[in-house]
Amino acid sequence: MQKYAIVKDGVVVNVIEYEAQPSAPPPGFEAGHVAIQADAVSPGWNYANGTFTDPNPPEVVEMPAPKSLTDMILESPTELAKLKAALGI
């Protein structure tokens, strides 16, 4: 079975599984709906020029590189003092 996006007017209205791509509107859908093979789409996605696009793509958040344990200790006078005491320095 393959997944097919049911598209009407450039918008995915449903996603269903078929053994083969239907040549007519899928059962329960009126004329104007088409089934297009698509593995990773959801209702509400847009379809134009052979490409599906998510109208609400996930937001990419830049995360700072994690600090090393050494950097964290050296930045904190309290932690540095604890380390020196533990080492007998």
PDB file of N, CA and C in Angstrom:
ATOM      1  N   MET A   1       0.839  -1.189   0.000  1.00  0.00           N
ATOM      2  CA  MET A   1       0.000   0.000   0.000  1.00  0.00           C
ATOM      3  C   MET A   1       0.881   1.248   0.000  1.00  0.00           C
ATOM      4  N   GLN A   2       0.414   2.239  -0.717  1.00  0.00           N
ATOM      5  CA  GLN A   2       1.109   3.525  -0.738  1.00  0.00           C
ATOM      6  C   GLN A   2       0.162   4.606  -0.245  1.00  0.00           C
ATOM      7  N   LYS A   3       0.744   5.680   0.274  1.00  0.00           N
ATOM      8  CA  LYS A   3      -0.053   6.810   0.739  1.00  0.00           C
ATOM      9  C   LYS A   3      -0.272   7.789  -0.408  1.00  0.00           C
ATOM     10  N   TYR A   4      -1.479   8.297  -0.477  1.00  0.00           N
ATOM     11  CA  TYR A   4      -1.841   9.274  -1.495  1.00  0.00           C
ATOM     12  C   TYR A   4      -2.489  10.477  -0.842  1.00  0.00           C
ATOM     13  N   ALA A   5      -2.059  11.652  -1.276  1.00  0.00           N
ATOM     14  CA  ALA A   5      -2.678  12.890  -0.824  1.00  0.00           C
ATOM     15  C   ALA A   5      -3.872  13.165  -1.730  1.00  0.00           C
ATOM     16  N   ILE A   6      -5.012  13.437  -1.130  1.00  0.00           N
ATOM     17  CA  ILE A   6      -6.193  13.844  -1.902  1.00  0.00           C
ATOM     18  C   ILE A   6      -6.166  15.364  -1.947  1.00  0.00           C
ATOM     19  N   VAL A   7      -6.032  15.897  -3.167  1.00  0.00           N
ATOM     20  CA  VAL A   7      -5.817  17.328  -3.359  1.00  0.00           C
ATOM     21  C   VAL A   7      -6.993  17.941  -4.107  1.00  0.00           C
ATOM     22  N   LYS A   8      -7.437  19.094  -3.635  1.00  0.00           N
ATOM     23  CA  LYS A   8      -8.458  19.870  -4.339  1.00  0.00           C
ATOM     24  C   LYS A   8      -8.035  21.333  -4.288  1.00  0.00           C
ATOM     25  N   ASP A   9      -8.019  21.962  -5.430  1.00  0.00           N
ATOM     26  CA  ASP A   9      -7.653  23.382  -5.546  1.00  0.00           C
ATOM     27  C   ASP A   9      -6.301  23.688  -4.900  1.00  0.00           C
ATOM     28  N   GLY A  10      -5.339  22.762  -5.047  1.00  0.00           N
ATOM     29  CA  GLY A  10      -3.995  23.004  -4.551  1.00  0.00           C
ATOM     30  C   GLY A  10      -3.788  22.786  -3.070  1.00  0.00           C
ATOM     31  N   VAL A  11      -4.780  22.194  -2.387  1.00  0.00           N
ATOM     32  CA  VAL A  11      -4.661  21.959  -0.945  1.00  0.00           C
ATOM     33  C   VAL A  11      -4.959  20.499  -0.646  1.00  0.00           C
ATOM     34  N   VAL A  12      -4.118  19.875   0.190  1.00  0.00           N
ATOM     35  CA  VAL A  12      -4.343  18.495   0.606  1.00  0.00           C
ATOM     36  C   VAL A  12      -5.535  18.482   1.565  1.00  0.00           C
ATOM     37  N   VAL A  13      -6.576  17.704   1.202  1.00  0.00           N
ATOM     38  CA  VAL A  13      -7.774  17.623   2.052  1.00  0.00           C
ATOM     39  C   VAL A  13      -7.835  16.322   2.843  1.00  0.00           C
ATOM     40  N   ASN A  14      -7.025  15.329   2.452  1.00  0.00           N
ATOM     41  CA  ASN A  14      -7.001  14.055   3.157  1.00  0.00           C
ATOM     42  C   ASN A  14      -5.788  13.262   2.677  1.00  0.00           C
ATOM     43  N   VAL A  15      -5.386  12.267   3.458  1.00  0.00           N
ATOM     44  CA  VAL A  15      -4.322  11.352   3.063  1.00  0.00           C
ATOM     45  C   VAL A  15      -4.860   9.939   3.273  1.00  0.00           C
ATOM     46  N   ILE A  16      -4.785   9.114   2.230  1.00  0.00           N
ATOM     47  CA  ILE A  16      -5.329   7.757   2.303  1.00  0.00           C
ATOM     48  C   ILE A  16      -4.338   6.768   1.705  1.00  0.00           C
ATOM     49  N   GLU A  17      -4.574   5.473   1.942  1.00  0.00           N
ATOM     50  CA  GLU A  17      -3.709   4.430   1.393  1.00  0.00           C
ATOM     51  C   GLU A  17      -4.450   3.666   0.306  1.00  0.00           C
ATOM     52  N   TYR A  18      -3.746   3.414  -0.789  1.00  0.00           N
ATOM     53  CA  TYR A  18      -4.263   2.633  -1.907  1.00  0.00           C
ATOM     54  C   TYR A  18      -3.190   1.661  -2.356  1.00  0.00           C
ATOM     55  N   GLU A  19      -3.605   0.588  -2.977  1.00  0.00           N
ATOM     56  CA  GLU A  19      -2.636  -0.343  -3.564  1.00  0.00           C
ATOM     57  C   GLU A  19      -2.072   0.232  -4.858  1.00  0.00           C
ATOM     58  N   ALA A  20      -2.899   0.965  -5.603  1.00  0.00           N
ATOM     59  CA  ALA A  20      -2.467   1.586  -6.852  1.00  0.00           C
ATOM     60  C   ALA A  20      -3.125   2.951  -6.957  1.00  0.00           C
ATOM     61  N   GLN A  21      -2.487   3.861  -7.674  1.00  0.00           N
ATOM     62  CA  GLN A  21      -3.027   5.213  -7.787  1.00  0.00           C
ATOM     63  C   GLN A  21      -4.373   5.179  -8.500  1.00  0.00           C
ATOM     64  N   PRO A  22      -5.415   5.755  -7.878  1.00  0.00           N
ATOM     65  CA  PRO A  22      -6.738   5.767  -8.524  1.00  0.00           C
ATOM     66  C   PRO A  22      -6.735   6.672  -9.752  1.00  0.00           C
ATOM     67  N   SER A  23      -7.520   6.294 -10.754  1.00  0.00           N
ATOM     68  CA  SER A  23      -7.588   7.089 -11.986  1.00  0.00           C
ATOM     69  C   SER A  23      -8.799   8.018 -11.993  1.00  0.00           C
ATOM     70  N   ALA A  24      -9.668   7.887 -10.992  1.00  0.00           N
ATOM     71  CA  ALA A  24     -10.845   8.739 -10.862  1.00  0.00           C
ATOM     72  C   ALA A  24     -10.856   9.296  -9.440  1.00  0.00           C
ATOM     73  N   PRO A  25     -11.711  10.271  -9.148  1.00  0.00           N
ATOM     74  CA  PRO A  25     -11.764  10.769  -7.770  1.00  0.00           C
ATOM     75  C   PRO A  25     -11.990   9.604  -6.800  1.00  0.00           C
ATOM     76  N   PRO A  26     -11.275   9.578  -5.707  1.00  0.00           N
ATOM     77  CA  PRO A  26     -11.439   8.491  -4.740  1.00  0.00           C
ATOM     78  C   PRO A  26     -12.873   8.421  -4.231  1.00  0.00           C
ATOM     79  N   PRO A  27     -13.331   7.238  -3.822  1.00  0.00           N
ATOM     80  CA  PRO A  27     -14.691   7.114  -3.295  1.00  0.00           C
ATOM     81  C   PRO A  27     -14.934   8.109  -2.162  1.00  0.00           C
ATOM     82  N   GLY A  28     -16.078   8.767  -2.226  1.00  0.00           N
ATOM     83  CA  GLY A  28     -16.431   9.754  -1.209  1.00  0.00           C
ATOM     84  C   GLY A  28     -15.977  11.160  -1.543  1.00  0.00           C
ATOM     85  N   PHE A  29     -15.272  11.330  -2.653  1.00  0.00           N
ATOM     86  CA  PHE A  29     -14.810  12.656  -3.054  1.00  0.00           C
ATOM     87  C   PHE A  29     -15.413  12.993  -4.407  1.00  0.00           C
ATOM     88  N   GLU A  30     -15.736  14.254  -4.590  1.00  0.00           N
ATOM     89  CA  GLU A  30     -16.366  14.692  -5.831  1.00  0.00           C
ATOM     90  C   GLU A  30     -15.330  14.989  -6.909  1.00  0.00           C
ATOM     91  N   ALA A  31     -15.822  15.316  -8.080  1.00  0.00           N
ATOM     92  CA  ALA A  31     -14.937  15.683  -9.180  1.00  0.00           C
ATOM     93  C   ALA A  31     -14.066  16.859  -8.751  1.00  0.00           C
ATOM     94  N   GLY A  32     -12.869  16.900  -9.253  1.00  0.00           N
ATOM     95  CA  GLY A  32     -11.947  17.983  -8.903  1.00  0.00           C
ATOM     96  C   GLY A  32     -10.911  17.556  -7.882  1.00  0.00           C
ATOM     97  N   HIS A  33     -11.154  16.432  -7.208  1.00  0.00           N
ATOM     98  CA  HIS A  33     -10.180  15.885  -6.272  1.00  0.00           C
ATOM     99  C   HIS A  33      -9.261  14.944  -7.038  1.00  0.00           C
ATOM    100  N   VAL A  34      -7.987  15.001  -6.748  1.00  0.00           N
ATOM    101  CA  VAL A  34      -7.027  14.083  -7.373  1.00  0.00           C
ATOM    102  C   VAL A  34      -6.210  13.409  -6.281  1.00  0.00           C
ATOM    103  N   ALA A  35      -5.751  12.195  -6.573  1.00  0.00           N
ATOM    104  CA  ALA A  35      -4.898  11.457  -5.643  1.00  0.00           C
ATOM    105  C   ALA A  35      -3.477  11.501  -6.175  1.00  0.00           C
ATOM    106  N   ILE A  36      -2.546  11.965  -5.338  1.00  0.00           N
ATOM    107  CA  ILE A  36      -1.148  12.097  -5.726  1.00  0.00           C
ATOM    108  C   ILE A  36      -0.307  11.353  -4.698  1.00  0.00           C
ATOM    109  N   GLN A  37       0.562  10.449  -5.166  1.00  0.00           N
ATOM    110  CA  GLN A  37       1.386   9.668  -4.241  1.00  0.00           C
ATOM    111  C   GLN A  37       2.256  10.607  -3.421  1.00  0.00           C
ATOM    112  N   ALA A  38       2.190  10.453  -2.098  1.00  0.00           N
ATOM    113  CA  ALA A  38       2.952  11.313  -1.188  1.00  0.00           C
ATOM    114  C   ALA A  38       3.093  10.609   0.148  1.00  0.00           C
ATOM    115  N   ASP A  39       4.308  10.419   0.596  1.00  0.00           N
ATOM    116  CA  ASP A  39       4.544   9.688   1.835  1.00  0.00           C
ATOM    117  C   ASP A  39       4.491  10.548   3.084  1.00  0.00           C
ATOM    118  N   ALA A  40       4.882  11.789   3.009  1.00  0.00           N
ATOM    119  CA  ALA A  40       5.014  12.590   4.227  1.00  0.00           C
ATOM    120  C   ALA A  40       4.315  13.938   4.113  1.00  0.00           C
ATOM    121  N   VAL A  41       3.004  13.910   3.902  1.00  0.00           N
ATOM    122  CA  VAL A  41       2.227  15.153   3.878  1.00  0.00           C
ATOM    123  C   VAL A  41       1.042  15.000   4.823  1.00  0.00           C
ATOM    124  N   SER A  42       0.402  16.111   5.115  1.00  0.00           N
ATOM    125  CA  SER A  42      -0.768  16.117   5.997  1.00  0.00           C
ATOM    126  C   SER A  42      -1.828  17.022   5.403  1.00  0.00           C
ATOM    127  N   PRO A  43      -3.095  16.829   5.816  1.00  0.00           N
ATOM    128  CA  PRO A  43      -4.139  17.752   5.363  1.00  0.00           C
ATOM    129  C   PRO A  43      -3.739  19.196   5.690  1.00  0.00           C
ATOM    130  N   GLY A  44      -4.025  20.079   4.745  1.00  0.00           N
ATOM    131  CA  GLY A  44      -3.685  21.487   4.904  1.00  0.00           C
ATOM    132  C   GLY A  44      -2.433  21.891   4.150  1.00  0.00           C
ATOM    133  N   TRP A  45      -1.617  20.908   3.742  1.00  0.00           N
ATOM    134  CA  TRP A  45      -0.417  21.231   2.971  1.00  0.00           C
ATOM    135  C   TRP A  45      -0.837  21.748   1.597  1.00  0.00           C
ATOM    136  N   ASN A  46       0.035  22.511   0.972  1.00  0.00           N
ATOM    137  CA  ASN A  46      -0.219  23.045  -0.365  1.00  0.00           C
ATOM    138  C   ASN A  46       0.460  22.160  -1.406  1.00  0.00           C
ATOM    139  N   TYR A  47      -0.141  22.132  -2.608  1.00  0.00           N
ATOM    140  CA  TYR A  47       0.434  21.375  -3.717  1.00  0.00           C
ATOM    141  C   TYR A  47       0.422  22.262  -4.952  1.00  0.00           C
ATOM    142  N   ALA A  48       1.610  22.516  -5.508  1.00  0.00           N
ATOM    143  CA  ALA A  48       1.713  23.329  -6.725  1.00  0.00           C
ATOM    144  C   ALA A  48       2.966  22.917  -7.484  1.00  0.00           C
ATOM    145  N   ASN A  49       2.848  22.867  -8.796  1.00  0.00           N
ATOM    146  CA  ASN A  49       3.975  22.553  -9.679  1.00  0.00           C
ATOM    147  C   ASN A  49       4.689  21.265  -9.285  1.00  0.00           C
ATOM    148  N   GLY A  50       3.909  20.264  -8.855  1.00  0.00           N
ATOM    149  CA  GLY A  50       4.478  18.965  -8.520  1.00  0.00           C
ATOM    150  C   GLY A  50       5.155  18.881  -7.168  1.00  0.00           C
ATOM    151  N   THR A  51       4.981  19.910  -6.331  1.00  0.00           N
ATOM    152  CA  THR A  51       5.657  19.945  -5.036  1.00  0.00           C
ATOM    153  C   THR A  51       4.671  20.215  -3.909  1.00  0.00           C
ATOM    154  N   PHE A  52       4.824  19.441  -2.818  1.00  0.00           N
ATOM    155  CA  PHE A  52       4.038  19.674  -1.604  1.00  0.00           C
ATOM    156  C   PHE A  52       4.831  20.595  -0.687  1.00  0.00           C
ATOM    157  N   THR A  53       4.151  21.557  -0.063  1.00  0.00           N
ATOM    158  CA  THR A  53       4.816  22.422   0.912  1.00  0.00           C
ATOM    159  C   THR A  53       3.943  22.545   2.155  1.00  0.00           C
ATOM    160  N   ASP A  54       4.601  22.563   3.299  1.00  0.00           N
ATOM    161  CA  ASP A  54       3.926  22.723   4.583  1.00  0.00           C
ATOM    162  C   ASP A  54       3.662  24.213   4.787  1.00  0.00           C
ATOM    163  N   PRO A  55       2.398  24.627   4.978  1.00  0.00           N
ATOM    164  CA  PRO A  55       2.130  26.050   5.164  1.00  0.00           C
ATOM    165  C   PRO A  55       2.609  26.553   6.525  1.00  0.00           C
ATOM    166  N   ASN A  56       2.898  25.644   7.440  1.00  0.00           N
ATOM    167  CA  ASN A  56       3.374  26.002   8.776  1.00  0.00           C
ATOM    168  C   ASN A  56       4.640  25.214   9.101  1.00  0.00           C
ATOM    169  N   PRO A  57       5.741  25.524   8.411  1.00  0.00           N
ATOM    170  CA  PRO A  57       6.961  24.748   8.662  1.00  0.00           C
ATOM    171  C   PRO A  57       7.433  24.944  10.099  1.00  0.00           C
ATOM    172  N   PRO A  58       8.117  23.941  10.652  1.00  0.00           N
ATOM    173  CA  PRO A  58       8.609  24.088  12.016  1.00  0.00           C
ATOM    174  C   PRO A  58       9.627  25.224  12.106  1.00  0.00           C
ATOM    175  N   GLU A  59       9.606  25.914  13.236  1.00  0.00           N
ATOM    176  CA  GLU A  59      10.536  27.016  13.448  1.00  0.00           C
ATOM    177  C   GLU A  59      11.882  26.458  13.881  1.00  0.00           C
ATOM    178  N   VAL A  60      12.925  26.904  13.220  1.00  0.00           N
ATOM    179  CA  VAL A  60      14.276  26.466  13.561  1.00  0.00           C
ATOM    180  C   VAL A  60      14.838  27.446  14.579  1.00  0.00           C
ATOM    181  N   VAL A  61      15.251  26.927  15.724  1.00  0.00           N
ATOM    182  CA  VAL A  61      15.791  27.766  16.790  1.00  0.00           C
ATOM    183  C   VAL A  61      17.279  27.476  16.922  1.00  0.00           C
ATOM    184  N   GLU A  62      18.076  28.513  16.825  1.00  0.00           N
ATOM    185  CA  GLU A  62      19.520  28.361  16.976  1.00  0.00           C
ATOM    186  C   GLU A  62      19.850  28.166  18.451  1.00  0.00           C
ATOM    187  N   MET A  63      20.600  27.143  18.738  1.00  0.00           N
ATOM    188  CA  MET A  63      21.012  26.872  20.116  1.00  0.00           C
ATOM    189  C   MET A  63      22.509  27.129  20.227  1.00  0.00           C
ATOM    190  N   PRO A  64      22.934  27.807  21.314  1.00  0.00           N
ATOM    191  CA  PRO A  64      24.371  28.022  21.468  1.00  0.00           C
ATOM    192  C   PRO A  64      25.067  26.693  21.734  1.00  0.00           C
ATOM    193  N   ALA A  65      26.324  26.632  21.346  1.00  0.00           N
ATOM    194  CA  ALA A  65      27.106  25.416  21.595  1.00  0.00           C
ATOM    195  C   ALA A  65      27.242  25.226  23.097  1.00  0.00           C
ATOM    196  N   PRO A  66      27.116  23.990  23.560  1.00  0.00           N
ATOM    197  CA  PRO A  66      27.247  23.770  24.997  1.00  0.00           C
ATOM    198  C   PRO A  66      28.666  24.087  25.473  1.00  0.00           C
ATOM    199  N   LYS A  67      28.755  24.596  26.702  1.00  0.00           N
ATOM    200  CA  LYS A  67      30.060  24.912  27.282  1.00  0.00           C
ATOM    201  C   LYS A  67      30.669  23.640  27.862  1.00  0.00           C
ATOM    202  N   SER A  68      31.970  23.610  27.872  1.00  0.00           N
ATOM    203  CA  SER A  68      32.652  22.472  28.476  1.00  0.00           C
ATOM    204  C   SER A  68      32.579  22.610  29.999  1.00  0.00           C
ATOM    205  N   LEU A  69      32.770  21.511  30.699  1.00  0.00           N
ATOM    206  CA  LEU A  69      32.769  21.524  32.158  1.00  0.00           C
ATOM    207  C   LEU A  69      33.865  22.454  32.672  1.00  0.00           C
ATOM    208  N   THR A  70      35.012  22.449  32.032  1.00  0.00           N
ATOM    209  CA  THR A  70      36.113  23.327  32.429  1.00  0.00           C
ATOM    210  C   THR A  70      35.704  24.784  32.324  1.00  0.00           C
ATOM    211  N   ASP A  71      35.069  25.165  31.202  1.00  0.00           N
ATOM    212  CA  ASP A  71      34.630  26.553  31.029  1.00  0.00           C
ATOM    213  C   ASP A  71      33.606  26.942  32.090  1.00  0.00           C
ATOM    214  N   MET A  72      32.672  26.042  32.394  1.00  0.00           N
ATOM    215  CA  MET A  72      31.658  26.358  33.410  1.00  0.00           C
ATOM    216  C   MET A  72      32.297  26.570  34.775  1.00  0.00           C
ATOM    217  N   ILE A  73      33.290  25.741  35.132  1.00  0.00           N
ATOM    218  CA  ILE A  73      33.963  25.887  36.432  1.00  0.00           C
ATOM    219  C   ILE A  73      34.765  27.172  36.479  1.00  0.00           C
ATOM    220  N   LEU A  74      35.491  27.472  35.400  1.00  0.00           N
ATOM    221  CA  LEU A  74      36.321  28.675  35.378  1.00  0.00           C
ATOM    222  C   LEU A  74      35.494  29.960  35.388  1.00  0.00           C
ATOM    223  N   GLU A  75      34.268  29.937  34.897  1.00  0.00           N
ATOM    224  CA  GLU A  75      33.409  31.123  34.875  1.00  0.00           C
ATOM    225  C   GLU A  75      32.783  31.406  36.229  1.00  0.00           C
ATOM    226  N   SER A  76      32.735  30.412  37.115  1.00  0.00           N
ATOM    227  CA  SER A  76      32.077  30.584  38.402  1.00  0.00           C
ATOM    228  C   SER A  76      33.122  30.587  39.517  1.00  0.00           C
ATOM    229  N   PRO A  77      33.317  31.722  40.179  1.00  0.00           N
ATOM    230  CA  PRO A  77      34.296  31.772  41.276  1.00  0.00           C
ATOM    231  C   PRO A  77      33.985  30.754  42.378  1.00  0.00           C
ATOM    232  N   THR A  78      32.717  30.533  42.659  1.00  0.00           N
ATOM    233  CA  THR A  78      32.331  29.573  43.695  1.00  0.00           C
ATOM    234  C   THR A  78      32.741  28.168  43.288  1.00  0.00           C
ATOM    235  N   GLU A  79      32.449  27.779  42.058  1.00  0.00           N
ATOM    236  CA  GLU A  79      32.800  26.432  41.583  1.00  0.00           C
ATOM    237  C   GLU A  79      34.317  26.260  41.501  1.00  0.00           C
ATOM    238  N   LEU A  80      35.020  27.328  41.095  1.00  0.00           N
ATOM    239  CA  LEU A  80      36.475  27.267  41.021  1.00  0.00           C
ATOM    240  C   LEU A  80      37.067  27.075  42.415  1.00  0.00           C
ATOM    241  N   ALA A  81      36.518  27.767  43.395  1.00  0.00           N
ATOM    242  CA  ALA A  81      36.995  27.619  44.771  1.00  0.00           C
ATOM    243  C   ALA A  81      36.746  26.198  45.272  1.00  0.00           C
ATOM    244  N   LYS A  82      35.576  25.621  44.945  1.00  0.00           N
ATOM    245  CA  LYS A  82      35.278  24.240  45.353  1.00  0.00           C
ATOM    246  C   LYS A  82      36.268  23.270  44.719  1.00  0.00           C
ATOM    247  N   LEU A  83      36.592  23.484  43.457  1.00  0.00           N
ATOM    248  CA  LEU A  83      37.524  22.590  42.759  1.00  0.00           C
ATOM    249  C   LEU A  83      38.915  22.694  43.387  1.00  0.00           C
ATOM    250  N   LYS A  84      39.354  23.935  43.668  1.00  0.00           N
ATOM    251  CA  LYS A  84      40.667  24.130  44.290  1.00  0.00           C
ATOM    252  C   LYS A  84      40.716  23.461  45.650  1.00  0.00           C
ATOM    253  N   ALA A  85      39.644  23.581  46.426  1.00  0.00           N
ATOM    254  CA  ALA A  85      39.603  22.961  47.757  1.00  0.00           C
ATOM    255  C   ALA A  85      39.644  21.439  47.624  1.00  0.00           C
ATOM    256  N   ALA A  86      38.931  20.892  46.658  1.00  0.00           N
ATOM    257  CA  ALA A  86      38.916  19.447  46.461  1.00  0.00           C
ATOM    258  C   ALA A  86      40.280  18.926  46.028  1.00  0.00           C
ATOM    259  N   LEU A  87      41.003  19.745  45.279  1.00  0.00           N
ATOM    260  CA  LEU A  87      42.323  19.341  44.806  1.00  0.00           C
ATOM    261  C   LEU A  87      43.425  19.687  45.797  1.00  0.00           C
ATOM    262  N   GLY A  88      43.073  20.437  46.850  1.00  0.00           N
ATOM    263  CA  GLY A  88      44.065  20.852  47.842  1.00  0.00           C
ATOM    264  C   GLY A  88      45.000  21.902  47.339  1.00  0.00           C
ATOM    265  N   ILE A  89      44.515  22.747  46.462  1.00  0.00           N
ATOM    266  CA  ILE A  89      45.329  23.817  45.875  1.00  0.00           C
ATOM    267  C   ILE A  89      45.078  25.114  46.631  1.00  0.00           C
TER     268      ILE A  89
END
